[in-house]
Amino acid sequence: MWYLLSFMALVFSFMLIICIVNYRRQRTGFWRLLLIISAVAFALFLLLFVLPPIILLFQ
């Protein structure tokens, strides 16, 4: 389970980095849309899979 979550975090972070770099180069609407989608996906991943174990750890 943890291997899958760490792989998902790696994929989301690389996707976010690629979108940021390409958006800074080209500034097109396509890269802006991909950047927004990847940022929302990464934020949801953090909220759903990373934050709850941290909260449970400190209870």
N, C-alpha and C. Protein backbone atom coordinates (compact mmCIF):
# COMPACT_ATOMS: atom_id res chain seq x y z
N MET A 1 0.83 -1.20 0.00
CA MET A 1 0.00 0.00 0.00
C MET A 1 0.87 1.26 0.00
N TRP A 2 1.91 1.27 0.86
CA TRP A 2 2.76 2.45 0.94
C TRP A 2 3.58 2.64 -0.33
N TYR A 3 3.90 1.51 -1.00
CA TYR A 3 4.63 1.63 -2.26
C TYR A 3 3.77 2.34 -3.31
N LEU A 4 2.49 2.00 -3.34
CA LEU A 4 1.58 2.63 -4.29
C LEU A 4 1.41 4.12 -3.99
N LEU A 5 1.29 4.46 -2.73
CA LEU A 5 1.12 5.87 -2.36
C LEU A 5 2.38 6.68 -2.67
N SER A 6 3.54 6.10 -2.41
CA SER A 6 4.77 6.83 -2.72
C SER A 6 4.96 6.97 -4.23
N PHE A 7 4.56 5.96 -4.99
CA PHE A 7 4.63 6.06 -6.44
C PHE A 7 3.67 7.13 -6.96
N MET A 8 2.47 7.20 -6.39
CA MET A 8 1.52 8.23 -6.79
C MET A 8 2.05 9.62 -6.47
N ALA A 9 2.66 9.78 -5.31
CA ALA A 9 3.23 11.08 -4.95
C ALA A 9 4.35 11.46 -5.91
N LEU A 10 5.16 10.50 -6.30
CA LEU A 10 6.23 10.77 -7.25
C LEU A 10 5.69 11.18 -8.61
N VAL A 11 4.67 10.48 -9.08
CA VAL A 11 4.06 10.80 -10.38
C VAL A 11 3.42 12.18 -10.34
N PHE A 12 2.67 12.48 -9.28
CA PHE A 12 2.02 13.79 -9.18
C PHE A 12 3.04 14.92 -9.11
N SER A 13 4.12 14.71 -8.36
CA SER A 13 5.11 15.78 -8.24
C SER A 13 5.86 15.99 -9.55
N PHE A 14 6.20 14.91 -10.26
CA PHE A 14 6.85 15.08 -11.56
C PHE A 14 5.91 15.75 -12.57
N MET A 15 4.64 15.37 -12.52
CA MET A 15 3.67 15.99 -13.43
C MET A 15 3.55 17.49 -13.14
N LEU A 16 3.54 17.83 -11.87
CA LEU A 16 3.45 19.25 -11.50
C LEU A 16 4.69 20.02 -11.94
N ILE A 17 5.87 19.43 -11.75
CA ILE A 17 7.11 20.09 -12.16
C ILE A 17 7.16 20.28 -13.67
N ILE A 18 6.78 19.26 -14.43
CA ILE A 18 6.78 19.36 -15.89
C ILE A 18 5.81 20.43 -16.36
N CYS A 19 4.63 20.49 -15.74
CA CYS A 19 3.65 21.51 -16.13
C CYS A 19 4.14 22.92 -15.80
N ILE A 20 4.79 23.09 -14.66
CA ILE A 20 5.31 24.41 -14.28
C ILE A 20 6.39 24.86 -15.26
N VAL A 21 7.31 23.95 -15.58
CA VAL A 21 8.40 24.31 -16.49
C VAL A 21 7.87 24.65 -17.88
N ASN A 22 6.97 23.82 -18.40
CA ASN A 22 6.44 24.08 -19.74
C ASN A 22 5.55 25.32 -19.77
N TYR A 23 4.83 25.59 -18.69
CA TYR A 23 4.00 26.80 -18.66
C TYR A 23 4.87 28.05 -18.65
N ARG A 24 5.99 28.00 -17.94
CA ARG A 24 6.88 29.17 -17.92
C ARG A 24 7.53 29.40 -19.27
N ARG A 25 7.70 28.34 -20.05
CA ARG A 25 8.31 28.49 -21.38
C ARG A 25 7.31 29.00 -22.41
N GLN A 26 6.12 28.42 -22.44
CA GLN A 26 5.21 28.67 -23.54
C GLN A 26 4.02 29.56 -23.22
N ARG A 27 3.56 29.56 -21.99
CA ARG A 27 2.42 30.38 -21.55
C ARG A 27 1.18 30.21 -22.42
N THR A 28 0.84 28.98 -22.74
CA THR A 28 -0.38 28.72 -23.51
C THR A 28 -1.49 28.26 -22.57
N GLY A 29 -2.69 28.28 -23.08
CA GLY A 29 -3.83 27.86 -22.27
C GLY A 29 -3.81 26.38 -21.94
N PHE A 30 -3.22 25.58 -22.84
CA PHE A 30 -3.14 24.14 -22.60
C PHE A 30 -2.30 23.83 -21.37
N TRP A 31 -1.12 24.47 -21.25
CA TRP A 31 -0.26 24.20 -20.10
C TRP A 31 -0.84 24.80 -18.83
N ARG A 32 -1.58 25.91 -18.95
CA ARG A 32 -2.23 26.48 -17.77
C ARG A 32 -3.29 25.51 -17.24
N LEU A 33 -4.07 24.93 -18.15
CA LEU A 33 -5.09 23.97 -17.75
C LEU A 33 -4.47 22.73 -17.12
N LEU A 34 -3.41 22.21 -17.73
CA LEU A 34 -2.73 21.05 -17.17
C LEU A 34 -2.10 21.37 -15.82
N LEU A 35 -1.59 22.58 -15.67
CA LEU A 35 -1.01 22.99 -14.39
C LEU A 35 -2.07 23.05 -13.30
N ILE A 36 -3.23 23.59 -13.61
CA ILE A 36 -4.31 23.66 -12.63
C ILE A 36 -4.80 22.26 -12.26
N ILE A 37 -4.96 21.39 -13.25
CA ILE A 37 -5.41 20.03 -12.99
C ILE A 37 -4.41 19.27 -12.14
N SER A 38 -3.13 19.39 -12.46
CA SER A 38 -2.12 18.65 -11.70
C SER A 38 -1.98 19.21 -10.28
N ALA A 39 -2.13 20.52 -10.12
CA ALA A 39 -2.06 21.10 -8.78
C ALA A 39 -3.24 20.65 -7.92
N VAL A 40 -4.42 20.61 -8.51
CA VAL A 40 -5.60 20.13 -7.76
C VAL A 40 -5.46 18.65 -7.43
N ALA A 41 -4.96 17.85 -8.37
CA ALA A 41 -4.77 16.42 -8.10
C ALA A 41 -3.74 16.20 -6.99
N PHE A 42 -2.66 16.96 -7.01
CA PHE A 42 -1.65 16.82 -5.96
C PHE A 42 -2.19 17.26 -4.61
N ALA A 43 -2.97 18.33 -4.59
CA ALA A 43 -3.56 18.80 -3.33
C ALA A 43 -4.56 17.78 -2.78
N LEU A 44 -5.37 17.21 -3.65
CA LEU A 44 -6.31 16.18 -3.20
C LEU A 44 -5.59 14.94 -2.69
N PHE A 45 -4.51 14.57 -3.36
CA PHE A 45 -3.71 13.44 -2.90
C PHE A 45 -3.16 13.71 -1.50
N LEU A 46 -2.64 14.91 -1.28
CA LEU A 46 -2.12 15.24 0.04
C LEU A 46 -3.22 15.24 1.09
N LEU A 47 -4.38 15.80 0.75
CA LEU A 47 -5.47 15.87 1.73
C LEU A 47 -6.05 14.49 2.05
N LEU A 48 -6.13 13.62 1.07
CA LEU A 48 -6.79 12.33 1.28
C LEU A 48 -5.86 11.24 1.81
N PHE A 49 -4.58 11.27 1.42
CA PHE A 49 -3.72 10.16 1.76
C PHE A 49 -2.56 10.51 2.69
N VAL A 50 -2.15 11.75 2.74
CA VAL A 50 -1.00 12.12 3.56
C VAL A 50 -1.43 12.75 4.88
N LEU A 51 -2.40 13.63 4.83
CA LEU A 51 -2.82 14.35 6.04
C LEU A 51 -3.48 13.46 7.09
N PRO A 52 -4.38 12.53 6.75
CA PRO A 52 -5.01 11.71 7.80
C PRO A 52 -4.03 10.88 8.64
N PRO A 53 -3.01 10.20 8.07
CA PRO A 53 -2.08 9.49 8.94
C PRO A 53 -1.29 10.42 9.86
N ILE A 54 -0.98 11.64 9.38
CA ILE A 54 -0.26 12.58 10.23
C ILE A 54 -1.14 13.04 11.38
N ILE A 55 -2.42 13.28 11.09
CA ILE A 55 -3.35 13.67 12.13
C ILE A 55 -3.52 12.55 13.15
N LEU A 56 -3.64 11.32 12.68
CA LEU A 56 -3.78 10.18 13.59
C LEU A 56 -2.52 9.94 14.41
N LEU A 57 -1.39 10.29 13.85
CA LEU A 57 -0.13 10.10 14.56
C LEU A 57 -0.02 11.00 15.77
N PHE A 58 -0.55 12.22 15.67
CA PHE A 58 -0.43 13.19 16.75
C PHE A 58 -1.64 13.22 17.69
N GLN A 59 -2.54 12.27 17.58
CA GLN A 59 -3.67 12.24 18.51
C GLN A 59 -3.32 11.50 19.77
